[in-house]
């Protein structure tokens, strides 16, 4: 059974309940980790059977249709794969740039 790679720009891990069991797709895009690194995307390795079950799952289909999930049969660099995907979901951490663009918010200046 060959490996399949699911690339995600979702901020949170997603557990999809499927007929093949629960399949977890890693999240963490646009969220700072303990090293203060903020990845643009993440990758999860799954099996072909899990992919087959995920492709029948309505929420997984919606995430893929909306550009937060993409699937590859070969492993590639995460930044390369997520470059043309949706950049951030609704639960991504705010930045000075995004805070200033929200309706009703005052512009935020960078310090320094």
Protein backbone atom coordinates (compact mmCIF):
# COMPACT_ATOMS: atom_id res chain seq x y z
CA UNK A 1 0.00 0.00 0.00
CA UNK A 2 1.53 3.29 -1.06
CA UNK A 3 1.64 6.48 0.95
CA UNK A 4 -0.45 9.56 0.25
CA UNK A 5 0.39 13.06 1.44
CA UNK A 6 -2.28 15.54 2.48
CA UNK A 7 -1.18 19.18 2.60
CA UNK A 8 -3.21 21.56 4.75
CA UNK A 9 -3.39 25.28 5.46
CA UNK A 10 -5.91 24.74 8.28
CA UNK A 11 -4.97 26.14 11.68
CA UNK A 12 -6.34 23.24 13.73
CA UNK A 13 -6.02 19.46 13.46
CA UNK A 14 -9.07 17.92 11.81
CA UNK A 15 -10.48 14.55 12.85
CA UNK A 16 -12.71 13.13 10.12
CA UNK A 17 -14.94 10.24 11.22
CA UNK A 18 -15.01 7.84 8.27
CA UNK A 19 -15.99 4.24 7.61
CA UNK A 20 -12.26 3.45 7.82
CA UNK A 21 -12.15 4.98 11.33
CA UNK A 22 -11.10 8.43 12.46
CA UNK A 23 -8.51 10.01 10.18
CA UNK A 24 -6.59 12.95 11.60
CA UNK A 25 -5.18 15.58 9.24
CA UNK A 26 -2.61 17.77 10.94
CA UNK A 27 -3.25 21.46 11.34
CA UNK A 28 -1.01 24.20 12.63
CA UNK A 29 -0.71 26.48 9.64
CA UNK A 30 -0.49 30.16 10.59
CA UNK A 31 -0.09 29.29 14.27
CA UNK A 32 3.19 29.95 16.09
CA UNK A 33 4.79 26.87 17.63
CA UNK A 34 7.00 26.68 20.71
CA UNK A 35 9.99 27.79 18.61
CA UNK A 36 8.04 30.88 17.47
CA UNK A 37 7.99 29.50 13.93
CA UNK A 38 4.74 30.01 12.02
CA UNK A 39 4.39 27.47 9.21
CA UNK A 40 2.38 28.36 6.11
CA UNK A 41 1.16 24.77 5.85
CA UNK A 42 1.60 21.24 7.16
CA UNK A 43 1.64 17.72 5.72
CA UNK A 44 0.08 14.47 6.95
CA UNK A 45 1.00 11.04 5.63
CA UNK A 46 -1.97 8.66 5.23
CA UNK A 47 -2.78 5.43 3.39
CA UNK A 48 -4.70 5.03 0.15
CA UNK A 49 -7.57 3.41 2.08
CA UNK A 50 -7.79 6.43 4.38
CA UNK A 51 -7.77 8.76 1.37
CA UNK A 52 -10.56 6.76 -0.26
CA UNK A 53 -12.65 7.13 2.91
CA UNK A 54 -11.81 10.84 3.25
CA UNK A 55 -12.87 11.59 -0.31
CA UNK A 56 -16.38 10.45 0.63
CA UNK A 57 -16.49 12.71 3.71
CA UNK A 58 -18.51 15.93 3.20
CA UNK A 59 -16.36 18.16 5.43
CA UNK A 60 -13.13 16.91 3.85
CA UNK A 61 -14.65 17.61 0.43
CA UNK A 62 -15.57 21.15 1.55
CA UNK A 63 -12.06 21.79 2.90
CA UNK A 64 -10.57 20.61 -0.40
CA UNK A 65 -13.06 22.60 -2.50
CA UNK A 66 -12.33 25.76 -0.50
CA UNK A 67 -8.58 25.38 -1.04
CA UNK A 68 -7.45 24.38 2.46
CA UNK A 69 -6.53 20.77 1.59
CA UNK A 70 -4.65 19.25 -1.33
CA UNK A 71 -3.49 15.66 -1.89
CA UNK A 72 -0.32 14.38 -3.54
CA UNK A 73 0.97 10.89 -4.26
CA UNK A 74 4.54 12.08 -3.81
CA UNK A 75 6.13 13.94 -0.93
CA UNK A 76 7.11 17.50 -1.72
CA UNK A 77 8.25 20.56 0.20
CA UNK A 78 5.34 21.97 2.18
CA UNK A 79 5.97 25.59 1.15
CA UNK A 80 5.96 24.55 -2.50
CA UNK A 81 2.64 22.72 -2.17
CA UNK A 82 0.79 25.38 -0.20
CA UNK A 83 1.94 28.35 -2.29
CA UNK A 84 -1.25 28.33 -4.40
CA UNK A 85 -3.64 27.16 -1.68
CA UNK A 86 -5.96 29.29 0.47
CA UNK A 87 -3.58 31.15 2.81
CA UNK A 88 -5.49 31.16 6.11
CA UNK A 89 -8.70 29.93 7.65
CA UNK A 90 -10.91 31.75 10.14
CA UNK A 91 -9.02 30.46 13.17
CA UNK A 92 -5.55 31.63 12.08
CA UNK A 93 -3.74 33.92 14.51
CA UNK A 94 -4.19 37.63 13.94
CA UNK A 95 -1.29 39.70 12.67
CA UNK A 96 -0.93 43.48 12.68
CA UNK A 97 -1.89 43.45 8.98
CA UNK A 98 -5.07 41.38 9.45
CA UNK A 99 -6.17 43.25 12.58
CA UNK A 100 -6.14 46.56 10.73
CA UNK A 101 -8.30 45.13 7.93
CA UNK A 102 -11.14 43.94 10.18
CA UNK A 103 -14.28 46.10 10.06
CA UNK A 104 -14.59 48.48 12.99
CA UNK A 105 -10.97 48.11 14.08
CA UNK A 106 -8.41 50.90 14.30
CA UNK A 107 -5.24 50.43 12.26
CA UNK A 108 -2.41 48.71 14.14
CA UNK A 109 1.09 50.09 13.82
CA UNK A 110 4.16 47.88 14.05
CA UNK A 111 6.48 48.69 16.91
CA UNK A 112 10.13 49.43 16.35
